[in-house]
Amino acid sequence: STFMIPNSLIVIETATLQGASDTIYWPGDERAFDSWEQDMTLKSAFFRSCLPCYQQLTRKMGLANMKKYTSAFAYGKMAFDSTSFDSFWVEGDSKISQFQQIEFLKKFYHSQLPISKRTETIVKNMIREPLGKYQLSAKTGWSIQNEIDNGWYVGFLEASDNTYYFATNVSPGNGFDRKEFSAIRKKVTMSGLRALGMLQ
């Protein structure tokens, strides 16, 4: 689901939706979570990691746009075709490293992506969360492939004197507590930022 950051940019840039408050309509299908079975705005779909919402938007924007922008963003090695372009970020052969995640976030933050200022501003405002005296912009991710769990937490932390980027990737061992895994990604990241003096 960390791909929902670039995917949101593509959604707005291609006018698939006009803004963060635009509605994504639930077609009435059965979904993995009850919280996904309702109409949502782009912003609420982002924070709820609504996979079928983003798949719906991706199919609407089309394969050509997805190819164009993932290439232009230099977002890791994304592998997809006409049969997988609405799911490649959660299953398949796509790959991205922690450092590639951070390079993308730096380009996004410093207005170096090939998108309009309007798109950039909409998505930055959409994903920003107050964190005390800081501003946090981040996204979790969790995929399960071949019975292997893979968790992410990526983003940037804006302090008064600097901006700090992070990309945490967690692959738990056998017997881990699945209920705690969602929170652990954030907990590990925040502990690291505090240990480095970036967060107090």
Protein backbone atom coordinates (compact mmCIF):
# COMPACT_ATOMS: atom_id res chain seq x y z
CA SER A 1 0.00 0.00 0.00
CA THR A 2 2.98 2.38 0.07
CA PHE A 3 2.33 2.55 -3.67
CA MET A 4 -0.82 4.50 -2.82
CA ILE A 5 1.36 7.64 -2.58
CA PRO A 6 2.50 7.57 -6.24
CA ASN A 7 -0.83 6.07 -7.27
CA SER A 8 -2.68 9.03 -5.72
CA LEU A 9 -0.45 11.39 -7.69
CA ILE A 10 -1.29 9.57 -10.92
CA VAL A 11 -5.02 9.56 -10.10
CA ILE A 12 -5.04 13.35 -9.69
CA GLU A 13 -2.61 14.12 -12.53
CA THR A 14 -4.66 12.10 -15.04
CA ALA A 15 -7.93 13.66 -13.77
CA THR A 16 -9.23 10.22 -12.85
CA LEU A 17 -10.39 12.15 -9.78
CA GLN A 18 -10.20 15.90 -9.36
CA GLY A 19 -9.24 16.04 -5.69
CA ALA A 20 -8.84 14.29 -2.34
CA SER A 21 -12.49 14.80 -1.40
CA ASP A 22 -13.88 13.23 -4.58
CA THR A 23 -15.93 10.09 -4.03
CA ILE A 24 -14.97 6.54 -4.96
CA TYR A 25 -18.25 4.66 -5.15
CA TRP A 26 -18.56 1.18 -3.69
CA PRO A 27 -20.14 -1.07 -6.37
CA GLY A 28 -21.63 -3.39 -3.74
CA ASP A 29 -19.13 -6.23 -3.98
CA GLU A 30 -17.96 -8.24 -0.98
CA ARG A 31 -14.57 -7.05 0.29
CA ALA A 32 -11.94 -8.26 2.74
CA PHE A 33 -12.89 -5.69 5.39
CA ASP A 34 -16.26 -4.25 6.31
CA SER A 35 -14.70 -0.78 6.45
CA TRP A 36 -14.05 -1.04 2.69
CA GLU A 37 -17.71 -1.74 1.89
CA GLN A 38 -18.87 1.86 1.55
CA ASP A 39 -18.36 4.94 -0.60
CA MET A 40 -15.11 6.71 0.26
CA THR A 41 -13.19 9.82 -0.65
CA LEU A 42 -9.69 9.42 -2.04
CA LYS A 43 -8.32 10.62 1.31
CA SER A 44 -10.28 8.12 3.36
CA ALA A 45 -9.42 5.31 0.92
CA PHE A 46 -5.74 6.22 1.36
CA PHE A 47 -5.84 6.09 5.15
CA ARG A 48 -7.89 2.90 5.17
CA SER A 49 -5.56 1.29 2.62
CA CYS A 50 -8.60 0.39 0.53
CA LEU A 51 -7.01 -1.84 -2.09
CA PRO A 52 -10.18 -2.37 -4.18
CA CYS A 53 -10.74 1.41 -4.24
CA TYR A 54 -7.32 1.99 -5.78
CA GLN A 55 -7.76 -0.95 -8.13
CA GLN A 56 -11.01 0.60 -9.32
CA LEU A 57 -9.24 3.92 -9.96
CA THR A 58 -6.31 2.21 -11.66
CA ARG A 59 -8.56 0.42 -14.12
CA LYS A 60 -10.24 3.73 -14.88
CA MET A 61 -6.94 5.56 -15.54
CA GLY A 62 -5.70 2.75 -17.78
CA LEU A 63 -2.56 0.76 -18.47
CA ALA A 64 -0.88 3.43 -20.60
CA ASN A 65 -1.02 6.04 -17.84
CA MET A 66 0.29 3.59 -15.26
CA LYS A 67 3.25 2.71 -17.50
CA LYS A 68 3.95 6.36 -18.26
CA TYR A 69 4.05 7.59 -14.69
CA THR A 70 5.73 4.66 -12.93
CA SER A 71 8.51 5.03 -15.51
CA ALA A 72 8.65 8.82 -15.14
CA PHE A 73 8.75 8.52 -11.35
CA ALA A 74 11.60 5.96 -11.54
CA TYR A 75 9.70 4.09 -8.86
CA GLY A 76 11.70 0.90 -8.38
CA LYS A 77 11.28 -1.96 -10.84
CA MET A 78 7.57 -2.24 -11.50
CA ALA A 79 6.58 -5.33 -13.49
CA PHE A 80 3.07 -5.44 -14.92
CA ASP A 81 1.03 -5.83 -18.09
CA SER A 82 -2.60 -5.58 -19.15
CA THR A 83 -3.55 -8.47 -16.87
CA SER A 84 -1.83 -7.20 -13.71
CA PHE A 85 -1.64 -3.41 -13.84
CA ASP A 86 -4.33 -3.12 -11.15
CA SER A 87 -2.59 -5.43 -8.66
CA PHE A 88 1.17 -5.44 -9.36
CA TRP A 89 2.02 -3.48 -6.21
CA VAL A 90 0.69 -6.23 -3.91
CA GLU A 91 1.62 -9.36 -5.86
CA GLY A 92 3.96 -10.37 -8.66
CA ASP A 93 7.56 -9.54 -9.54
CA SER A 94 7.69 -5.80 -8.83
CA LYS A 95 10.55 -4.72 -6.56
CA ILE A 96 11.60 -1.58 -4.74
CA SER A 97 14.31 -1.02 -2.15
CA GLN A 98 14.21 1.20 0.91
CA PHE A 99 16.59 3.66 -0.75
CA GLN A 100 14.46 3.80 -3.90
CA GLN A 101 11.43 4.56 -1.75
CA ILE A 102 13.34 7.43 -0.13
CA GLU A 103 14.56 8.78 -3.48
CA PHE A 104 10.98 8.92 -4.69
CA LEU A 105 9.85 10.68 -1.50
CA LYS A 106 12.66 13.24 -1.82
CA LYS A 107 11.63 14.03 -5.40
CA PHE A 108 8.01 14.35 -4.28
CA TYR A 109 8.87 16.63 -1.38
CA HIS A 110 11.21 18.85 -3.42
CA SER A 111 8.83 19.22 -6.39
CA GLN A 112 11.06 17.19 -8.73
CA LEU A 113 8.43 14.82 -10.13
CA PRO A 114 6.90 15.39 -13.60
CA ILE A 115 3.52 16.43 -12.21
CA SER A 116 1.69 19.72 -11.81
CA LYS A 117 2.04 21.83 -8.68
CA ARG A 118 -1.69 21.40 -8.17
CA THR A 119 -1.41 17.60 -8.06
CA GLU A 120 1.58 17.78 -5.73
CA THR A 121 -0.19 20.14 -3.33
CA ILE A 122 -3.40 18.09 -3.23
CA VAL A 123 -1.59 14.87 -2.36
CA LYS A 124 0.80 16.50 0.14
CA ASN A 125 -2.15 18.01 1.99
CA MET A 126 -4.04 14.72 1.78
CA ILE A 127 -1.36 12.56 3.40
CA ARG A 128 -0.06 15.01 6.02
CA GLU A 129 -0.80 14.24 9.68
CA PRO A 130 0.05 16.49 12.66
CA LEU A 131 2.38 14.79 15.13
CA GLY A 132 2.85 17.17 18.04
CA LYS A 133 5.25 19.86 16.88
CA TYR A 134 6.03 17.85 13.73
CA GLN A 135 4.24 17.10 10.47
CA LEU A 136 4.22 13.46 9.44
CA SER A 137 3.47 12.28 5.90
CA ALA A 138 3.56 8.50 5.66
CA LYS A 139 1.99 5.29 4.41
CA THR A 140 1.96 1.75 5.69
CA GLY A 141 2.12 -1.28 3.45
CA TRP A 142 1.52 -4.98 4.02
CA SER A 143 1.52 -7.79 1.49
CA ILE A 144 1.38 -11.56 1.81
CA GLN A 145 2.83 -13.59 -1.04
CA ASN A 146 3.69 -17.29 -0.95
CA GLU A 147 2.71 -17.19 2.75
CA ILE A 148 5.45 -14.61 3.43
CA ASP A 149 4.45 -11.37 5.15
CA ASN A 150 6.17 -8.15 4.12
CA GLY A 151 5.50 -4.88 5.91
CA TRP A 152 6.44 -1.29 5.08
CA TYR A 153 6.23 2.15 6.64
CA VAL A 154 7.56 4.98 4.47
CA GLY A 155 7.36 8.75 4.56
CA PHE A 156 8.92 11.96 5.79
CA LEU A 157 8.91 13.87 9.04
CA GLU A 158 8.97 17.66 8.88
CA ALA A 159 10.63 19.36 11.87
CA SER A 160 11.29 23.07 12.31
CA ASP A 161 14.91 22.71 11.18
CA ASN A 162 14.89 19.78 8.75
CA THR A 163 12.96 17.09 6.92
CA TYR A 164 13.77 13.45 7.61
CA TYR A 165 12.92 10.58 5.26
CA PHE A 166 12.39 6.98 6.28
CA ALA A 167 11.54 3.62 4.72
CA THR A 168 11.13 0.75 7.13
CA ASN A 169 10.75 -2.77 5.77
CA VAL A 170 9.85 -5.58 8.15
CA SER A 171 9.73 -9.26 7.31
CA PRO A 172 8.80 -11.18 10.48
CA GLY A 173 9.94 -14.65 11.42
CA ASN A 174 7.82 -17.68 12.20
CA GLY A 175 5.34 -17.44 15.04
CA PHE A 176 5.01 -13.65 15.02
CA ASP A 177 1.93 -11.96 16.45
CA ARG A 178 -0.15 -11.01 13.41
CA LYS A 179 -2.40 -8.73 15.47
CA GLU A 180 0.60 -6.67 16.57
CA PHE A 181 2.34 -6.57 13.20
CA SER A 182 0.44 -3.53 11.92
CA ALA A 183 1.52 -1.40 14.89
CA ILE A 184 5.09 -2.76 14.97
CA ARG A 185 5.98 -1.15 11.61
CA LYS A 186 5.26 2.30 13.00
CA LYS A 187 6.71 1.54 16.44
CA VAL A 188 10.07 0.42 15.01
CA THR A 189 10.24 3.52 12.78
CA MET A 190 9.43 5.97 15.56
CA SER A 191 11.93 4.29 17.88
CA GLY A 192 14.61 4.65 15.22
CA LEU A 193 13.81 8.34 14.63
CA ARG A 194 14.01 8.99 18.38
CA ALA A 195 17.29 7.08 18.72
CA LEU A 196 18.78 9.23 15.95
CA GLY A 197 17.57 12.44 17.60
CA MET A 198 15.14 13.25 14.78
CA LEU A 199 12.05 12.88 16.96
CA GLN A 200 11.65 13.80 20.60
